[in-house]
Amino acid sequence: MAENRKKILIIFAHPTPHKSRLNTALVNAVSDIEDVTVRKLYDLYPDFYIDVEKEQELIVSHDIIVWQHPFYWYSAPSLLKEWIDLVLEHGFAYGQEGVALRGKKVLTSTTTGGRQEAYHEEGRNHFTMRQLLAPFEQTVHLCKMEYLPPFIIHGSLLIDKEHIRQSAEDYRKIIISLRDDIFSEKEIMEKKYINHLLD
């Protein structure tokens, strides 16, 4: 491992990845990156019995955690919620004794069926994506971690092959940039979406 590289843990939660060209392309684009570990939750835990100790060991041994999932009903697929409920437990992730994750960074990587214009106060969904992701952000803050601007691809239901290819390439660039500390914290945190670093 290069001296200053960050270790990244990607928690991929999609119950039917074979039906999602976009999410499959995204996870495939980052699966071979050195110092990146991909955990496909629905493959690992089809019975929903999560190995909490194993998952906690993995989080502790990585610097950046990525929650990658489709945006289901303004949230995440149920197995990712179960992972959060069980793995980020009191005394480990939060509470007076729960300091194991302090200082780590968390990135939400998600895809929406709706277009970007649907996600604002006057749009069809009435809230911005950052507002809708607030429960995840607050979870991260409670665990004394840092929540990064999300990586979001909108309009997945209508996306064409070229847009999928470009989105996967962008995702790979962002993950590598986080691993290698290419962008400053100020550059990252001033963006609405972390994707915009590539504009």
Protein backbone atom coordinates (compact mmCIF):
# COMPACT_ATOMS: atom_id res chain seq x y z
CA MET A 1 0.00 0.00 0.00
CA ALA A 2 1.31 3.47 -0.86
CA GLU A 3 2.28 5.39 2.26
CA ASN A 4 -0.49 8.00 2.24
CA ARG A 5 -3.26 5.97 0.65
CA LYS A 6 -6.59 5.64 2.40
CA LYS A 7 -8.27 2.25 2.65
CA ILE A 8 -11.84 2.32 1.36
CA LEU A 9 -14.67 -0.05 2.30
CA ILE A 10 -17.62 -0.11 -0.12
CA ILE A 11 -20.83 -1.55 1.30
CA PHE A 12 -22.87 -2.40 -1.80
CA ALA A 13 -26.56 -3.02 -1.15
CA HIS A 14 -28.77 -3.85 -4.12
CA PRO A 15 -31.30 -6.70 -3.84
CA THR A 16 -31.52 -7.21 -7.63
CA PRO A 17 -28.27 -5.97 -9.19
CA HIS A 18 -28.93 -8.02 -12.35
CA LYS A 19 -31.80 -5.62 -13.05
CA SER A 20 -29.66 -2.51 -12.67
CA ARG A 21 -27.26 -1.80 -15.51
CA LEU A 22 -26.11 1.35 -13.77
CA ASN A 23 -25.40 -0.01 -10.29
CA THR A 24 -23.70 -3.06 -11.76
CA ALA A 25 -21.46 -0.84 -13.88
CA LEU A 26 -20.63 1.37 -10.90
CA VAL A 27 -19.63 -1.46 -8.58
CA ASN A 28 -17.68 -3.22 -11.33
CA ALA A 29 -15.75 0.00 -12.00
CA VAL A 30 -14.30 0.07 -8.49
CA SER A 31 -13.99 -3.62 -7.60
CA ASP A 32 -10.42 -3.99 -8.85
CA ILE A 33 -8.95 -0.84 -7.30
CA GLU A 34 -6.06 -1.50 -4.93
CA ASP A 35 -6.86 -0.74 -1.26
CA VAL A 36 -10.61 -0.84 -1.99
CA THR A 37 -12.72 -3.60 -0.43
CA VAL A 38 -16.20 -4.26 -1.84
CA ARG A 39 -18.81 -6.03 0.31
CA LYS A 40 -21.92 -7.12 -1.59
CA LEU A 41 -24.41 -7.38 1.24
CA TYR A 42 -27.14 -9.31 -0.56
CA ASP A 43 -24.62 -11.93 -1.67
CA LEU A 44 -23.04 -12.18 1.77
CA TYR A 45 -26.23 -12.15 3.84
CA PRO A 46 -29.19 -13.46 1.83
CA ASP A 47 -30.79 -14.54 5.12
CA PHE A 48 -30.20 -11.07 6.68
CA TYR A 49 -28.07 -12.61 9.48
CA ILE A 50 -25.24 -10.10 9.49
CA ASP A 51 -21.88 -11.03 11.00
CA VAL A 52 -21.65 -7.92 13.14
CA GLU A 53 -18.19 -8.65 14.53
CA LYS A 54 -16.74 -9.20 11.05
CA GLU A 55 -18.33 -6.03 9.70
CA GLN A 56 -17.07 -3.99 12.65
CA GLU A 57 -13.54 -5.34 12.15
CA LEU A 58 -13.69 -4.24 8.52
CA ILE A 59 -14.89 -0.74 9.32
CA VAL A 60 -12.18 -0.26 11.92
CA SER A 61 -9.50 -1.35 9.44
CA HIS A 62 -10.62 1.11 6.73
CA ASP A 63 -10.47 4.91 6.59
CA ILE A 64 -13.45 5.67 4.34
CA ILE A 65 -16.79 3.85 4.24
CA VAL A 66 -19.00 4.06 1.15
CA TRP A 67 -22.67 3.12 1.28
CA GLN A 68 -23.55 2.30 -2.33
CA HIS A 69 -27.21 1.64 -3.05
CA PRO A 70 -30.19 2.60 -5.16
CA PHE A 71 -32.43 5.26 -3.61
CA TYR A 72 -35.49 3.24 -2.56
CA TRP A 73 -38.48 5.14 -1.18
CA TYR A 74 -36.27 8.08 -0.14
CA SER A 75 -33.94 5.74 1.71
CA ALA A 76 -31.85 2.61 1.16
CA PRO A 77 -32.68 -1.08 0.58
CA SER A 78 -33.64 -2.84 3.80
CA LEU A 79 -30.44 -4.87 4.20
CA LEU A 80 -28.31 -1.72 4.33
CA LYS A 81 -30.64 -0.32 7.00
CA GLU A 82 -30.24 -3.61 8.90
CA TRP A 83 -26.46 -3.31 8.55
CA ILE A 84 -26.53 0.21 9.97
CA ASP A 85 -28.88 -0.80 12.79
CA LEU A 86 -26.74 -3.74 13.90
CA VAL A 87 -23.16 -2.83 13.02
CA LEU A 88 -23.15 0.77 14.27
CA GLU A 89 -24.12 -0.32 17.76
CA HIS A 90 -23.99 1.57 21.03
CA GLY A 91 -20.65 1.25 22.77
CA PHE A 92 -18.89 0.69 19.46
CA ALA A 93 -19.98 3.45 17.10
CA TYR A 94 -21.63 5.91 19.48
CA GLY A 95 -22.26 6.56 23.15
CA GLN A 96 -19.73 7.47 25.81
CA GLU A 97 -17.56 4.43 25.06
CA GLY A 98 -18.38 4.28 21.35
CA VAL A 99 -15.42 5.95 19.70
CA ALA A 100 -14.16 3.19 17.38
CA LEU A 101 -15.10 5.09 14.22
CA ARG A 102 -14.13 8.61 15.23
CA GLY A 103 -12.57 10.57 12.36
CA LYS A 104 -13.49 8.16 9.58
CA LYS A 105 -15.27 9.49 6.50
CA VAL A 106 -18.50 8.23 4.97
CA LEU A 107 -19.75 8.65 1.41
CA THR A 108 -23.23 7.84 0.14
CA SER A 109 -23.17 6.64 -3.47
CA THR A 110 -26.69 6.34 -4.80
CA THR A 111 -28.81 6.28 -7.94
CA THR A 112 -32.29 7.67 -8.43
CA GLY A 113 -34.92 6.78 -10.98
CA GLY A 114 -36.08 10.41 -11.09
CA ARG A 115 -34.25 13.22 -12.79
CA GLN A 116 -32.25 15.77 -10.80
CA GLU A 117 -34.87 18.50 -11.23
CA ALA A 118 -37.34 16.40 -9.22
CA TYR A 119 -35.18 16.77 -6.12
CA HIS A 120 -35.63 20.33 -4.88
CA GLU A 121 -38.18 22.26 -2.82
CA GLU A 122 -40.38 23.05 -5.84
CA GLY A 123 -39.84 19.72 -7.58
CA ARG A 124 -41.99 16.60 -7.51
CA ASN A 125 -40.19 15.23 -4.44
CA HIS A 126 -40.29 18.54 -2.46
CA PHE A 127 -36.83 18.08 -0.94
CA THR A 128 -33.23 18.16 -2.10
CA MET A 129 -31.17 14.98 -2.03
CA ARG A 130 -29.09 16.34 0.84
CA GLN A 131 -32.28 16.90 2.81
CA LEU A 132 -33.54 13.40 2.03
CA LEU A 133 -30.19 11.90 3.02
CA ALA A 134 -30.23 13.74 6.37
CA PRO A 135 -30.87 10.56 8.46
CA PHE A 136 -27.68 9.03 7.03
CA GLU A 137 -25.76 12.24 7.61
CA GLN A 138 -26.95 12.51 11.21
CA THR A 139 -26.07 8.84 11.81
CA VAL A 140 -22.54 9.60 10.65
CA HIS A 141 -22.29 12.67 12.90
CA LEU A 142 -23.58 10.72 15.91
CA CYS A 143 -20.77 8.22 15.31
CA LYS A 144 -18.23 11.08 15.28
CA MET A 145 -17.44 10.50 11.62
CA GLU A 146 -17.46 12.96 8.72
CA TYR A 147 -20.17 12.84 6.05
CA LEU A 148 -18.93 13.69 2.58
CA PRO A 149 -21.07 15.21 -0.17
CA PRO A 150 -22.83 12.28 -1.88
CA PHE A 151 -22.06 10.70 -5.24
CA ILE A 152 -25.40 10.70 -7.06
CA ILE A 153 -26.49 9.64 -10.54
CA HIS A 154 -30.03 10.70 -11.42
CA GLY A 155 -32.40 9.37 -14.06
CA SER A 156 -31.29 5.74 -13.91
CA LEU A 157 -34.48 4.50 -15.55
CA LEU A 158 -33.76 6.40 -18.76
CA ILE A 159 -29.98 6.30 -18.81
CA ASP A 160 -28.23 5.21 -22.02
CA LYS A 161 -25.09 3.11 -22.43
CA GLU A 162 -22.78 6.08 -22.89
CA HIS A 163 -24.07 7.78 -19.75
CA ILE A 164 -23.64 4.53 -17.82
CA ARG A 165 -20.06 4.21 -19.09
CA GLN A 166 -19.27 7.83 -18.15
CA SER A 167 -20.90 7.48 -14.71
CA ALA A 168 -18.86 4.37 -13.97
CA GLU A 169 -15.68 6.14 -15.06
CA ASP A 170 -16.53 9.13 -12.86
CA TYR A 171 -17.20 6.87 -9.87
CA ARG A 172 -13.85 5.16 -10.33
CA LYS A 173 -12.10 8.56 -10.49
CA ILE A 174 -13.83 9.75 -7.31
CA ILE A 175 -12.96 6.59 -5.37
CA ILE A 176 -9.32 6.80 -6.48
CA SER A 177 -9.21 10.51 -5.61
CA LEU A 178 -10.45 9.75 -2.09
CA ARG A 179 -7.97 6.91 -1.71
CA ASP A 180 -5.09 9.11 -2.82
CA ASP A 181 -6.19 12.38 -1.13
CA ILE A 182 -6.17 14.23 -4.44
CA PHE A 183 -8.68 16.90 -3.42
CA SER A 184 -8.50 19.03 -0.28
CA GLU A 185 -11.21 18.81 2.35
CA LYS A 186 -12.27 22.35 1.46
CA GLU A 187 -12.64 21.43 -2.24
CA ILE A 188 -14.72 18.40 -1.35
CA MET A 189 -16.99 19.91 1.28
CA GLU A 190 -18.00 22.94 -0.80
CA LYS A 191 -19.62 20.68 -3.43
CA LYS A 192 -23.29 19.71 -3.38
CA TYR A 193 -22.42 16.35 -4.96
CA ILE A 194 -18.90 14.95 -4.83
CA ASN A 195 -19.28 14.17 -8.56
CA HIS A 196 -18.98 17.92 -9.20
CA LEU A 197 -15.28 17.74 -8.37
CA LEU A 198 -14.87 16.33 -11.87
CA ASP A 199 -16.65 19.20 -13.64
